[in-house]
Amino acid sequence: MGFKGFEFAGEFVPFKDDSKGLKNLAKAVVLFEEAMLFSPDSGQYAYTYVLAIDGTGQSTQALSQLKLLIVNYPDKAQLRELGLYLSQKLNNKADYDWFMQF
C-alpha cells in the first residue's frame, strides 16, 4: 500500500499530500531535532532532521543546517551524500564542491 508515515517516540506521524501533511512534516522536523540533540553522536538523527526540513520545501535551509552539522560527526558518509544531493537539487556548485571535500 505504500509508506504512510513513521513512528517516533511512540507517536505515529502520517505523511499526506495536503496542508495537514505539511503540518505533520513540520512536527517531524521538531521531533527529529529533539532526537538529534538527545543523541548527539548519531549521524542518523542529523540525517533525518535535515531530510525532514527538505521535505517541508525548505531545501536551502536544510542545506545550511547540514553544513553546520556535518562537522560534528565522525562518520560523515551518509551526511555527505545528502549534502551532494541537496546541492544538486538546488543547482549550487559551490556547496557541491564543499561537500566533495568530505
Protein backbone atom coordinates (compact mmCIF):
# COMPACT_ATOMS: atom_id res chain seq x y z
CA MET A 1 0.00 0.00 0.00
CA GLY A 2 2.95 2.35 0.37
CA PHE A 3 4.64 4.26 3.11
CA LYS A 4 2.06 6.23 5.08
CA GLY A 5 4.22 7.84 7.77
CA PHE A 6 6.57 6.98 10.56
CA GLU A 7 6.53 6.27 14.25
CA PHE A 8 8.73 8.35 16.51
CA ALA A 9 8.80 8.45 20.28
CA GLY A 10 5.70 6.27 20.40
CA GLU A 11 3.72 8.64 18.19
CA PHE A 12 2.65 7.93 14.61
CA VAL A 13 3.20 10.88 12.27
CA PRO A 14 1.41 10.34 8.93
CA PHE A 15 2.52 11.82 5.62
CA LYS A 16 -0.24 13.31 3.48
CA ASP A 17 -0.40 15.48 0.38
CA ASP A 18 -2.39 18.28 1.99
CA SER A 19 -1.85 21.12 4.46
CA LYS A 20 -2.16 18.72 7.37
CA GLY A 21 0.61 16.63 5.84
CA LEU A 22 2.87 19.69 5.73
CA LYS A 23 1.98 20.36 9.36
CA ASN A 24 2.96 16.78 10.19
CA LEU A 25 6.28 17.23 8.40
CA ALA A 26 6.88 20.39 10.41
CA LYS A 27 6.17 18.37 13.54
CA ALA A 28 8.63 15.74 12.30
CA VAL A 29 11.32 18.42 12.00
CA VAL A 30 10.84 19.29 15.68
CA LEU A 31 10.87 15.63 16.73
CA PHE A 32 13.98 14.80 14.74
CA GLU A 33 15.75 17.88 16.05
CA GLU A 34 14.98 16.76 19.61
CA ALA A 35 16.25 13.26 18.84
CA MET A 36 19.42 14.70 17.34
CA LEU A 37 20.03 16.79 20.47
CA PHE A 38 19.32 13.80 22.72
CA SER A 39 21.78 11.61 20.84
CA PRO A 40 24.48 13.95 19.50
CA ASP A 41 26.70 11.06 18.37
CA SER A 42 24.13 9.68 15.93
CA GLY A 43 24.56 10.96 12.40
CA GLN A 44 21.33 9.16 11.51
CA TYR A 45 19.28 11.63 13.55
CA ALA A 46 21.04 14.57 11.88
CA TYR A 47 20.32 12.97 8.50
CA THR A 48 16.61 12.52 9.19
CA TYR A 49 16.37 16.02 10.69
CA VAL A 50 17.83 17.61 7.55
CA LEU A 51 15.72 15.38 5.31
CA ALA A 52 12.58 16.45 7.19
CA ILE A 53 13.48 20.12 6.69
CA ASP A 54 13.89 19.44 2.98
CA GLY A 55 10.53 17.64 2.98
CA THR A 56 8.81 20.83 4.11
CA GLY A 57 10.08 22.56 0.98
CA GLN A 58 12.92 24.38 2.71
CA SER A 59 15.82 22.85 0.81
CA THR A 60 18.08 25.88 1.18
CA GLN A 61 17.62 25.86 4.96
CA ALA A 62 18.19 22.09 5.01
CA LEU A 63 21.48 22.50 3.16
CA SER A 64 22.59 25.30 5.52
CA GLN A 65 21.77 23.18 8.57
CA LEU A 66 23.63 20.22 7.13
CA LYS A 67 26.75 22.32 6.57
CA LEU A 68 26.69 23.30 10.24
CA LEU A 69 26.02 19.77 11.47
CA ILE A 70 28.32 17.61 9.33
CA VAL A 71 31.49 18.74 11.10
CA ASN A 72 30.20 17.25 14.39
CA TYR A 73 30.04 13.64 13.21
CA PRO A 74 32.95 11.25 12.73
CA ASP A 75 31.07 9.16 10.14
CA LYS A 76 30.21 11.71 7.50
CA ALA A 77 29.49 9.44 4.51
CA GLN A 78 25.69 9.50 4.70
CA LEU A 79 25.59 13.20 5.55
CA ARG A 80 28.00 13.95 2.70
CA GLU A 81 25.74 12.12 0.24
CA LEU A 82 22.75 14.11 1.47
CA GLY A 83 24.73 17.32 1.03
CA LEU A 84 25.66 16.36 -2.51
CA TYR A 85 22.00 15.56 -3.27
CA LEU A 86 20.72 18.85 -1.85
CA SER A 87 23.45 20.82 -3.64
CA GLN A 88 22.48 19.24 -6.94
CA LYS A 89 18.79 19.79 -6.26
CA LEU A 90 19.47 23.49 -5.64
CA ASN A 91 21.96 23.70 -8.53
CA ASN A 92 24.58 25.01 -6.11
CA LYS A 93 28.05 24.11 -7.41
CA ALA A 94 29.91 25.88 -4.58
CA ASP A 95 28.15 23.77 -1.94
CA TYR A 96 28.54 20.65 -4.07
CA ASP A 97 32.29 21.23 -4.19
CA TRP A 98 32.30 21.90 -0.43
CA PHE A 99 30.65 18.54 0.31
CA MET A 100 33.03 16.79 -2.08
CA GLN A 101 35.82 17.64 0.37
CA PHE A 102 34.42 15.19 2.93
